[in-house]
Amino acid sequence: MLIRLASKLQKDSIVDGEGIRAVIWTQGCPHHCHNCHNPETWDYDGGFLVDVEELKKEINTLDDEVGVTFSGGDPFEQSEACYELAKYIHSIKLNVWCYTGYTYEQLLKKGEKEKSVLNFLNEIDVLVDGPFIEKLKSFEIKFRGSKNQRLIKVKESLKKGKVVLLDLDNKKKEKKQDIYI
């Protein structure tokens, strides 16, 4: 199976999710957000094709990364290949984050017709959802470009049947409390 990428596997990212991460930059995006930080990923014919098995081998060489982030472009435009990769990433004990211009609710609806969308969604630990909206741009929020975007704990959300957000501020408070106990 082939996947169309915008660039080679990026290693050592600290801005695309928690911890040191690798990033898979997919090619092709329907959202065309105004002032997108990587509009070169919009073209569905841009970038280059890579065999998913070759990308798995490259992922195997990761040393310090705690997880892999799918970004782009929109990874859900290639949900079947991304699902195969995410399943593999979990099998080698790394976590999976994904950025998408779709909302979580739109993905659930899209998944009713496209099984690969739900399959991929089920392999994501944290989903950063929604389009980038320039008037909501903020440098105060972590791992997002605009305030409409959410950090969603996917497995818990699917289990509970409602969106469960990842609260990075609360996590840090809990860790600080643990240190002083």
N, C-alpha and C. Protein backbone atom coordinates (compact mmCIF):
# COMPACT_ATOMS: atom_id res chain seq x y z
N MET A 1 0.84 -1.17 0.00
CA MET A 1 0.00 0.00 0.00
C MET A 1 0.89 1.24 0.00
N LEU A 2 0.48 2.25 -0.77
CA LEU A 2 1.25 3.48 -0.86
C LEU A 2 0.57 4.61 -0.10
N ILE A 3 1.39 5.55 0.36
CA ILE A 3 0.90 6.77 0.99
C ILE A 3 1.63 7.94 0.34
N ARG A 4 0.90 9.03 0.12
CA ARG A 4 1.50 10.23 -0.47
C ARG A 4 1.91 11.17 0.66
N LEU A 5 3.19 11.48 0.71
CA LEU A 5 3.74 12.34 1.76
C LEU A 5 4.20 13.67 1.19
N ALA A 6 4.23 14.68 2.07
CA ALA A 6 4.72 16.00 1.70
C ALA A 6 6.22 16.11 1.91
N SER A 7 6.74 15.33 2.87
CA SER A 7 8.17 15.34 3.17
C SER A 7 8.55 14.02 3.83
N LYS A 8 9.83 13.83 4.00
CA LYS A 8 10.29 12.60 4.66
C LYS A 8 9.88 12.63 6.14
N LEU A 9 9.97 11.51 6.79
CA LEU A 9 9.63 11.40 8.21
C LEU A 9 10.48 12.39 9.00
N GLN A 10 9.80 13.25 9.75
CA GLN A 10 10.51 14.22 10.59
C GLN A 10 10.74 13.62 11.96
N LYS A 11 11.93 13.72 12.45
CA LYS A 11 12.27 13.20 13.78
C LYS A 11 12.47 14.36 14.74
N ASP A 12 12.39 14.07 16.03
CA ASP A 12 12.74 15.01 17.10
C ASP A 12 11.88 16.27 17.16
N SER A 13 10.60 16.18 16.86
CA SER A 13 9.72 17.34 16.99
C SER A 13 9.29 17.48 18.45
N ILE A 14 9.24 18.72 18.93
CA ILE A 14 8.74 18.98 20.28
C ILE A 14 7.51 19.90 20.24
N VAL A 15 6.99 20.18 19.05
CA VAL A 15 5.84 21.09 18.92
C VAL A 15 4.60 20.41 18.33
N ASP A 16 4.68 19.14 18.02
CA ASP A 16 3.57 18.43 17.37
C ASP A 16 2.93 17.40 18.28
N GLY A 17 2.84 17.73 19.57
CA GLY A 17 2.28 16.84 20.57
C GLY A 17 3.24 16.71 21.73
N GLU A 18 2.80 15.99 22.76
CA GLU A 18 3.61 15.85 23.97
C GLU A 18 4.84 14.98 23.73
N GLY A 19 5.94 15.40 24.31
CA GLY A 19 7.18 14.64 24.25
C GLY A 19 7.90 14.82 22.92
N ILE A 20 8.99 14.11 22.79
CA ILE A 20 9.74 14.13 21.53
C ILE A 20 9.04 13.17 20.58
N ARG A 21 8.75 13.66 19.36
CA ARG A 21 7.90 12.91 18.44
C ARG A 21 8.50 12.87 17.04
N ALA A 22 8.05 11.90 16.29
CA ALA A 22 8.28 11.89 14.84
C ALA A 22 6.98 12.38 14.21
N VAL A 23 7.08 12.96 13.02
CA VAL A 23 5.89 13.47 12.34
C VAL A 23 5.83 12.91 10.92
N ILE A 24 4.67 12.39 10.58
CA ILE A 24 4.37 11.95 9.22
C ILE A 24 3.54 13.06 8.58
N TRP A 25 4.12 13.74 7.58
CA TRP A 25 3.46 14.85 6.89
C TRP A 25 2.77 14.32 5.64
N THR A 26 1.45 14.15 5.72
CA THR A 26 0.69 13.64 4.58
C THR A 26 0.43 14.75 3.57
N GLN A 27 0.17 14.34 2.35
CA GLN A 27 -0.07 15.27 1.25
C GLN A 27 -1.54 15.22 0.86
N GLY A 28 -2.14 16.37 0.63
CA GLY A 28 -3.53 16.46 0.19
C GLY A 28 -4.44 16.97 1.29
N CYS A 29 -5.11 18.10 1.03
CA CYS A 29 -5.99 18.67 2.04
C CYS A 29 -7.13 19.44 1.39
N PRO A 30 -8.38 19.17 1.80
CA PRO A 30 -9.52 19.87 1.23
C PRO A 30 -9.88 21.16 1.96
N HIS A 31 -9.27 21.44 3.10
CA HIS A 31 -9.74 22.52 3.97
C HIS A 31 -9.26 23.91 3.55
N HIS A 32 -8.04 24.00 3.06
CA HIS A 32 -7.47 25.26 2.57
C HIS A 32 -7.67 26.41 3.55
N CYS A 33 -7.26 26.20 4.79
CA CYS A 33 -7.41 27.22 5.83
C CYS A 33 -6.60 28.47 5.47
N HIS A 34 -7.21 29.62 5.66
CA HIS A 34 -6.54 30.89 5.37
C HIS A 34 -5.31 31.03 6.27
N ASN A 35 -4.17 31.31 5.65
CA ASN A 35 -2.87 31.42 6.32
C ASN A 35 -2.42 30.12 6.99
N CYS A 36 -2.76 29.02 6.38
CA CYS A 36 -2.26 27.71 6.79
C CYS A 36 -0.74 27.76 6.85
N HIS A 37 -0.14 27.08 7.82
CA HIS A 37 1.33 27.12 7.93
C HIS A 37 2.04 26.21 6.93
N ASN A 38 1.29 25.37 6.21
CA ASN A 38 1.94 24.56 5.17
C ASN A 38 1.00 24.30 3.98
N PRO A 39 0.65 25.36 3.24
CA PRO A 39 -0.25 25.20 2.10
C PRO A 39 0.32 24.34 0.97
N GLU A 40 1.62 24.10 0.99
CA GLU A 40 2.22 23.24 -0.04
C GLU A 40 1.73 21.80 0.09
N THR A 41 1.06 21.47 1.19
CA THR A 41 0.54 20.11 1.38
C THR A 41 -0.90 19.96 0.86
N TRP A 42 -1.48 21.02 0.33
CA TRP A 42 -2.88 20.94 -0.13
C TRP A 42 -3.06 20.09 -1.38
N ASP A 43 -2.14 20.20 -2.33
CA ASP A 43 -2.25 19.55 -3.64
C ASP A 43 -2.21 18.02 -3.49
N TYR A 44 -3.26 17.37 -3.94
CA TYR A 44 -3.35 15.91 -3.84
C TYR A 44 -2.34 15.20 -4.74
N ASP A 45 -1.82 15.90 -5.73
CA ASP A 45 -0.83 15.30 -6.63
C ASP A 45 0.59 15.71 -6.28
N GLY A 46 0.75 16.54 -5.26
CA GLY A 46 2.09 16.99 -4.85
C GLY A 46 2.80 15.92 -4.04
N GLY A 47 3.95 16.29 -3.51
CA GLY A 47 4.70 15.37 -2.66
C GLY A 47 5.19 14.17 -3.43
N PHE A 48 5.25 13.03 -2.74
CA PHE A 48 5.79 11.82 -3.34
C PHE A 48 5.14 10.59 -2.68
N LEU A 49 5.14 9.49 -3.40
CA LEU A 49 4.58 8.24 -2.89
C LEU A 49 5.65 7.42 -2.18
N VAL A 50 5.23 6.79 -1.08
CA VAL A 50 6.11 5.91 -0.31
C VAL A 50 5.32 4.66 0.04
N ASP A 51 5.97 3.54 0.00
CA ASP A 51 5.34 2.30 0.43
C ASP A 51 5.22 2.31 1.96
N VAL A 52 4.05 1.98 2.47
CA VAL A 52 3.80 1.96 3.91
C VAL A 52 4.81 1.06 4.62
N GLU A 53 5.18 -0.06 4.01
CA GLU A 53 6.15 -0.99 4.62
C GLU A 53 7.52 -0.32 4.78
N GLU A 54 7.91 0.50 3.82
CA GLU A 54 9.19 1.23 3.92
C GLU A 54 9.13 2.25 5.06
N LEU A 55 7.99 2.91 5.20
CA LEU A 55 7.83 3.89 6.27
C LEU A 55 7.86 3.20 7.64
N LYS A 56 7.28 2.01 7.73
CA LYS A 56 7.34 1.24 8.98
C LYS A 56 8.79 0.95 9.36
N LYS A 57 9.61 0.58 8.37
CA LYS A 57 11.02 0.30 8.64
C LYS A 57 11.72 1.55 9.17
N GLU A 58 11.38 2.70 8.60
CA GLU A 58 11.98 3.95 9.06
C GLU A 58 11.52 4.28 10.48
N ILE A 59 10.26 4.02 10.78
CA ILE A 59 9.72 4.25 12.12
C ILE A 59 10.45 3.37 13.13
N ASN A 60 10.82 2.17 12.71
CA ASN A 60 11.58 1.25 13.57
C ASN A 60 12.92 1.81 14.02
N THR A 61 13.46 2.77 13.29
CA THR A 61 14.77 3.33 13.63
C THR A 61 14.69 4.46 14.66
N LEU A 62 13.49 4.83 15.06
CA LEU A 62 13.34 5.93 16.02
C LEU A 62 13.95 5.53 17.35
N ASP A 63 14.63 6.47 17.99
CA ASP A 63 15.30 6.19 19.27
C ASP A 63 14.64 6.87 20.46
N ASP A 64 14.56 8.18 20.42
CA ASP A 64 14.13 8.95 21.58
C ASP A 64 12.65 9.34 21.55
N GLU A 65 11.98 9.08 20.46
CA GLU A 65 10.60 9.51 20.31
C GLU A 65 9.65 8.67 21.18
N VAL A 66 8.66 9.36 21.76
CA VAL A 66 7.63 8.67 22.56
C VAL A 66 6.39 8.39 21.72
N GLY A 67 6.33 9.02 20.54
CA GLY A 67 5.17 8.82 19.69
C GLY A 67 5.37 9.38 18.30
N VAL A 68 4.33 9.18 17.49
CA VAL A 68 4.33 9.66 16.12
C VAL A 68 3.08 10.48 15.91
N THR A 69 3.24 11.62 15.24
CA THR A 69 2.12 12.51 14.94
C THR A 69 1.86 12.50 13.45
N PHE A 70 0.59 12.39 13.09
CA PHE A 70 0.16 12.52 11.69
C PHE A 70 -0.29 13.95 11.50
N SER A 71 0.22 14.59 10.45
CA SER A 71 -0.17 15.97 10.15
C SER A 71 -0.20 16.11 8.65
N GLY A 72 -0.26 17.32 8.18
CA GLY A 72 -0.27 17.43 6.73
C GLY A 72 -0.48 18.83 6.23
N GLY A 73 -1.21 18.81 5.15
CA GLY A 73 -2.26 17.98 4.57
C GLY A 73 -3.23 17.54 5.65
N ASP A 74 -4.15 16.70 5.25
CA ASP A 74 -5.05 16.10 6.22
C ASP A 74 -4.91 14.59 6.16
N PRO A 75 -4.42 13.98 7.24
CA PRO A 75 -4.22 12.53 7.25
C PRO A 75 -5.49 11.73 6.95
N PHE A 76 -6.65 12.27 7.27
CA PHE A 76 -7.88 11.52 7.02
C PHE A 76 -8.23 11.42 5.54
N GLU A 77 -7.51 12.14 4.71
CA GLU A 77 -7.68 11.98 3.26
C GLU A 77 -7.00 10.71 2.77
N GLN A 78 -6.17 10.12 3.61
CA GLN A 78 -5.50 8.85 3.31
C GLN A 78 -5.67 7.91 4.51
N SER A 79 -6.89 7.80 4.97
CA SER A 79 -7.16 7.11 6.23
C SER A 79 -6.77 5.64 6.23
N GLU A 80 -6.86 4.97 5.10
CA GLU A 80 -6.52 3.54 5.07
C GLU A 80 -5.03 3.33 5.33
N ALA A 81 -4.19 4.08 4.63
CA ALA A 81 -2.74 3.96 4.83
C ALA A 81 -2.34 4.45 6.22
N CYS A 82 -2.97 5.54 6.68
CA CYS A 82 -2.65 6.07 8.01
C CYS A 82 -3.08 5.09 9.10
N TYR A 83 -4.19 4.41 8.89
CA TYR A 83 -4.63 3.39 9.84
C TYR A 83 -3.59 2.27 9.96
N GLU A 84 -3.09 1.80 8.82
CA GLU A 84 -2.08 0.74 8.84
C GLU A 84 -0.83 1.18 9.60
N LEU A 85 -0.43 2.41 9.38
CA LEU A 85 0.74 2.93 10.07
C LEU A 85 0.48 3.11 11.56
N ALA A 86 -0.66 3.68 11.91
CA ALA A 86 -0.98 3.92 13.33
C ALA A 86 -1.07 2.60 14.10
N LYS A 87 -1.67 1.60 13.48
CA LYS A 87 -1.75 0.27 14.11
C LYS A 87 -0.34 -0.26 14.38
N TYR A 88 0.54 -0.11 13.41
CA TYR A 88 1.92 -0.55 13.59
C TYR A 88 2.62 0.26 14.68
N ILE A 89 2.43 1.55 14.67
CA ILE A 89 3.06 2.43 15.67
C ILE A 89 2.67 2.00 17.08
N HIS A 90 1.40 1.69 17.27
CA HIS A 90 0.96 1.20 18.58
C HIS A 90 1.60 -0.15 18.91
N SER A 91 1.78 -0.98 17.91
CA SER A 91 2.35 -2.31 18.16
C SER A 91 3.79 -2.24 18.66
N ILE A 92 4.48 -1.14 18.36
CA ILE A 92 5.85 -0.97 18.86
C ILE A 92 5.87 -0.01 20.06
N LYS A 93 4.72 0.15 20.68
CA LYS A 93 4.58 0.86 21.96
C LYS A 93 4.85 2.36 21.90
N LEU A 94 4.51 2.99 20.78
CA LEU A 94 4.56 4.45 20.68
C LEU A 94 3.12 4.97 20.62
N ASN A 95 2.91 6.21 21.08
CA ASN A 95 1.56 6.76 21.02
C ASN A 95 1.35 7.51 19.71
N VAL A 96 0.08 7.80 19.42
CA VAL A 96 -0.29 8.41 18.14
C VAL A 96 -1.12 9.67 18.38
N TRP A 97 -0.65 10.77 17.80
CA TRP A 97 -1.41 12.01 17.74
C TRP A 97 -1.74 12.26 16.28
N CYS A 98 -2.82 13.02 16.05
CA CYS A 98 -3.19 13.35 14.68
C CYS A 98 -3.81 14.74 14.62
N TYR A 99 -3.36 15.53 13.66
CA TYR A 99 -3.95 16.83 13.36
C TYR A 99 -4.86 16.68 12.15
N THR A 100 -6.06 17.27 12.23
CA THR A 100 -7.00 17.23 11.12
C THR A 100 -7.80 18.53 11.08
N GLY A 101 -8.19 18.92 9.89
CA GLY A 101 -9.08 20.07 9.73
C GLY A 101 -10.53 19.70 9.93
N TYR A 102 -10.83 18.41 9.98
CA TYR A 102 -12.19 17.95 10.28
C TYR A 102 -12.42 18.04 11.78
N THR A 103 -13.67 18.21 12.18
CA THR A 103 -13.98 18.10 13.60
C THR A 103 -14.19 16.62 13.92
N TYR A 104 -14.09 16.30 15.17
CA TYR A 104 -14.33 14.93 15.63
C TYR A 104 -15.71 14.46 15.17
N GLU A 105 -16.70 15.31 15.31
CA GLU A 105 -18.07 14.96 14.92
C GLU A 105 -18.16 14.70 13.42
N GLN A 106 -17.49 15.50 12.61
CA GLN A 106 -17.47 15.28 11.16
C GLN A 106 -16.81 13.95 10.82
N LEU A 107 -15.77 13.59 11.57
CA LEU A 107 -15.09 12.32 11.31
C LEU A 107 -16.00 11.14 11.64
N LEU A 108 -16.75 11.25 12.73
CA LEU A 108 -17.69 10.17 13.07
C LEU A 108 -18.71 9.99 11.95
N LYS A 109 -19.21 11.09 11.43
CA LYS A 109 -20.20 11.03 10.34
C LYS A 109 -19.55 10.48 9.06
N LYS A 110 -18.35 10.95 8.76
CA LYS A 110 -17.61 10.47 7.58
C LYS A 110 -17.34 8.96 7.72
N GLY A 111 -17.08 8.53 8.94
CA GLY A 111 -16.79 7.13 9.21
C GLY A 111 -17.98 6.21 8.99
N GLU A 112 -19.19 6.76 8.99
CA GLU A 112 -20.38 5.94 8.70
C GLU A 112 -20.33 5.40 7.27
N LYS A 113 -19.69 6.14 6.36
CA LYS A 113 -19.60 5.73 4.97
C LYS A 113 -18.24 5.15 4.62
N GLU A 114 -17.20 5.57 5.35
CA GLU A 114 -15.84 5.13 5.07
C GLU A 114 -15.27 4.44 6.29
N LYS A 115 -15.28 3.12 6.30
CA LYS A 115 -14.81 2.35 7.45
C LYS A 115 -13.37 2.68 7.84
N SER A 116 -12.54 2.99 6.85
CA SER A 116 -11.14 3.28 7.15
C SER A 116 -10.99 4.53 8.02
N VAL A 117 -11.93 5.46 7.94
CA VAL A 117 -11.89 6.66 8.78
C VAL A 117 -12.07 6.26 10.24
N LEU A 118 -13.05 5.40 10.52
CA LEU A 118 -13.27 4.94 11.90
C LEU A 118 -12.12 4.06 12.38
N ASN A 119 -11.60 3.23 11.49
CA ASN A 119 -10.46 2.40 11.86
C ASN A 119 -9.28 3.27 12.30
N PHE A 120 -8.97 4.29 11.50
CA PHE A 120 -7.87 5.19 11.83
C PHE A 120 -8.16 5.94 13.13
N LEU A 121 -9.37 6.44 13.26
CA LEU A 121 -9.76 7.18 14.47
C LEU A 121 -9.55 6.31 15.71
N ASN A 122 -9.87 5.04 15.62
CA ASN A 122 -9.70 4.12 16.75
C ASN A 122 -8.25 3.88 17.13
N GLU A 123 -7.32 4.21 16.25
CA GLU A 123 -5.89 4.03 16.53
C GLU A 123 -5.20 5.33 16.97
N ILE A 124 -5.98 6.39 17.16
CA ILE A 124 -5.41 7.68 17.55
C ILE A 124 -5.60 7.88 19.05
N ASP A 125 -4.54 8.28 19.74
CA ASP A 125 -4.63 8.57 21.17
C ASP A 125 -5.15 9.99 21.41
N VAL A 126 -4.56 10.97 20.71
CA VAL A 126 -5.00 12.36 20.84
C VAL A 126 -5.22 12.93 19.45
N LEU A 127 -6.41 13.50 19.27
CA LEU A 127 -6.79 14.14 18.00
C LEU A 127 -6.85 15.64 18.22
N VAL A 128 -6.14 16.37 17.38
CA VAL A 128 -6.25 17.83 17.37
C VAL A 128 -7.17 18.13 16.19
N ASP A 129 -8.40 18.55 16.51
CA ASP A 129 -9.41 18.64 15.46
C ASP A 129 -9.78 20.08 15.12
N GLY A 130 -10.35 20.22 13.94
CA GLY A 130 -10.89 21.50 13.49
C GLY A 130 -9.92 22.28 12.62
N PRO A 131 -10.49 23.11 11.76
CA PRO A 131 -9.64 23.91 10.87
C PRO A 131 -8.91 25.01 11.63
N PHE A 132 -7.80 25.47 11.07
CA PHE A 132 -7.13 26.65 11.61
C PHE A 132 -7.97 27.86 11.22
N ILE A 133 -8.33 28.68 12.20
CA ILE A 133 -9.10 29.90 11.95
C ILE A 133 -8.24 31.07 12.41
N GLU A 134 -7.81 31.86 11.44
CA GLU A 134 -6.82 32.90 11.73
C GLU A 134 -7.29 33.88 12.82
N LYS A 135 -8.55 34.28 12.82
CA LYS A 135 -9.00 35.25 13.82
C LYS A 135 -9.01 34.65 15.24
N LEU A 136 -8.88 33.32 15.35
CA LEU A 136 -8.80 32.66 16.65
C LEU A 136 -7.38 32.18 16.97
N LYS A 137 -6.42 32.62 16.17
CA LYS A 137 -5.02 32.24 16.35
C LYS A 137 -4.55 32.67 17.75
N SER A 138 -3.76 31.79 18.37
CA SER A 138 -3.25 32.10 19.69
C SER A 138 -1.90 31.43 19.91
N PHE A 139 -1.00 32.17 20.56
CA PHE A 139 0.29 31.60 20.95
C PHE A 139 0.24 31.10 22.39
N GLU A 140 -0.91 31.24 23.02
CA GLU A 140 -1.08 30.87 24.43
C GLU A 140 -1.53 29.42 24.61
N ILE A 141 -1.97 28.78 23.56
CA ILE A 141 -2.48 27.41 23.67
C ILE A 141 -1.44 26.43 23.14
N LYS A 142 -1.34 25.30 23.78
CA LYS A 142 -0.33 24.32 23.39
C LYS A 142 -0.82 23.40 22.29
N PHE A 143 0.07 23.17 21.35
CA PHE A 143 -0.12 22.17 20.29
C PHE A 143 -1.27 22.48 19.35
N ARG A 144 -1.76 23.70 19.34
CA ARG A 144 -2.84 24.10 18.45
C ARG A 144 -2.52 25.48 17.88
N GLY A 145 -3.12 25.78 16.74
CA GLY A 145 -2.91 27.08 16.12
C GLY A 145 -4.00 28.08 16.44
N SER A 146 -5.23 27.59 16.63
CA SER A 146 -6.34 28.49 16.91
C SER A 146 -7.23 27.91 18.01
N LYS A 147 -7.92 28.80 18.71
CA LYS A 147 -8.66 28.42 19.92
C LYS A 147 -9.84 27.49 19.68
N ASN A 148 -10.31 27.36 18.45
CA ASN A 148 -11.40 26.43 18.15
C ASN A 148 -10.94 24.97 18.14
N GLN A 149 -9.65 24.75 17.98
CA GLN A 149 -9.12 23.39 17.89
C GLN A 149 -9.06 22.76 19.27
N ARG A 150 -9.39 21.47 19.32
CA ARG A 150 -9.46 20.75 20.59
C ARG A 150 -8.43 19.64 20.62
N LEU A 151 -7.96 19.33 21.83
CA LEU A 151 -7.12 18.15 22.07
C LEU A 151 -8.03 17.09 22.64
N ILE A 152 -8.37 16.10 21.82
CA ILE A 152 -9.37 15.11 22.19
C ILE A 152 -8.72 13.76 22.50
N LYS A 153 -9.07 13.22 23.66
CA LYS A 153 -8.65 11.86 24.03
C LYS A 153 -9.62 10.92 23.31
N VAL A 154 -9.18 10.37 22.20
CA VAL A 154 -10.07 9.65 21.29
C VAL A 154 -10.66 8.38 21.90
N LYS A 155 -9.83 7.53 22.46
CA LYS A 155 -10.33 6.25 22.97
C LYS A 155 -11.39 6.47 24.06
N GLU A 156 -11.13 7.41 24.96
CA GLU A 156 -12.08 7.71 26.02
C GLU A 156 -13.36 8.34 25.44
N SER A 157 -13.22 9.19 24.44
CA SER A 157 -14.37 9.82 23.79
C SER A 157 -15.25 8.78 23.11
N LEU A 158 -14.63 7.84 22.39
CA LEU A 158 -15.39 6.79 21.72
C LEU A 158 -16.12 5.92 22.74
N LYS A 159 -15.44 5.60 23.83
CA LYS A 159 -16.02 4.75 24.86
C LYS A 159 -17.22 5.44 25.55
N LYS A 160 -17.09 6.73 25.85
CA LYS A 160 -18.13 7.46 26.57
C LYS A 160 -19.21 8.02 25.66
N GLY A 161 -18.96 8.04 24.35
CA GLY A 161 -19.94 8.57 23.42
C GLY A 161 -20.05 10.09 23.45
N LYS A 162 -19.01 10.75 23.98
CA LYS A 162 -18.95 12.22 23.99
C LYS A 162 -17.49 12.64 24.02
N VAL A 163 -17.24 13.87 23.61
CA VAL A 163 -15.87 14.36 23.52
C VAL A 163 -15.27 14.51 24.92
N VAL A 164 -14.09 13.91 25.09
CA VAL A 164 -13.32 14.04 26.33
C VAL A 164 -12.02 14.75 25.95
N LEU A 165 -11.80 15.90 26.56
CA LEU A 165 -10.63 16.71 26.22
C LEU A 165 -9.41 16.35 27.06
N LEU A 166 -8.26 16.48 26.46
CA LEU A 166 -6.99 16.34 27.17
C LEU A 166 -6.71 17.70 27.81
N ASP A 167 -6.57 17.71 29.11
CA ASP A 167 -6.34 18.96 29.84
C ASP A 167 -4.88 19.00 30.27
N LEU A 168 -4.05 19.64 29.47
CA LEU A 168 -2.61 19.70 29.75
C LEU A 168 -2.31 20.48 31.02
N ASP A 169 -3.09 21.50 31.31
CA ASP A 169 -2.86 22.31 32.52
C ASP A 169 -3.10 21.49 33.77
N ASN A 170 -4.17 20.72 33.79
CA ASN A 170 -4.49 19.88 34.95
C ASN A 170 -3.45 18.79 35.14
N LYS A 171 -2.97 18.22 34.03
CA LYS A 171 -1.94 17.17 34.11
C LYS A 171 -0.70 17.70 34.81
N LYS A 172 -0.31 18.93 34.48
CA LYS A 172 0.89 19.50 35.08
C LYS A 172 0.68 19.79 36.56
N LYS A 173 -0.52 20.24 36.94
CA LYS A 173 -0.82 20.49 38.36
C LYS A 173 -0.73 19.19 39.14
N GLU A 174 -1.27 18.10 38.56
CA GLU A 174 -1.23 16.80 39.23
C GLU A 174 0.22 16.35 39.41
N LYS A 175 1.05 16.52 38.40
CA LYS A 175 2.45 16.12 38.50
C LYS A 175 3.18 16.94 39.57
N LYS A 176 2.92 18.25 39.61
CA LYS A 176 3.56 19.09 40.62
C LYS A 176 3.14 18.66 42.01
N GLN A 177 1.86 18.32 42.19
CA GLN A 177 1.40 17.86 43.50
C GLN A 177 2.08 16.56 43.90
N ASP A 178 2.27 15.68 42.94
CA ASP A 178 2.93 14.40 43.23
C ASP A 178 4.36 14.62 43.72
N ILE A 179 5.03 15.62 43.20
CA ILE A 179 6.42 15.88 43.57
C ILE A 179 6.52 16.27 45.05
N TYR A 180 5.54 17.01 45.56
CA TYR A 180 5.61 17.55 46.92
C TYR A 180 5.00 16.64 47.97
N ILE A 181 4.44 15.54 47.56
CA ILE A 181 3.80 14.65 48.53
C ILE A 181 4.84 13.80 49.23
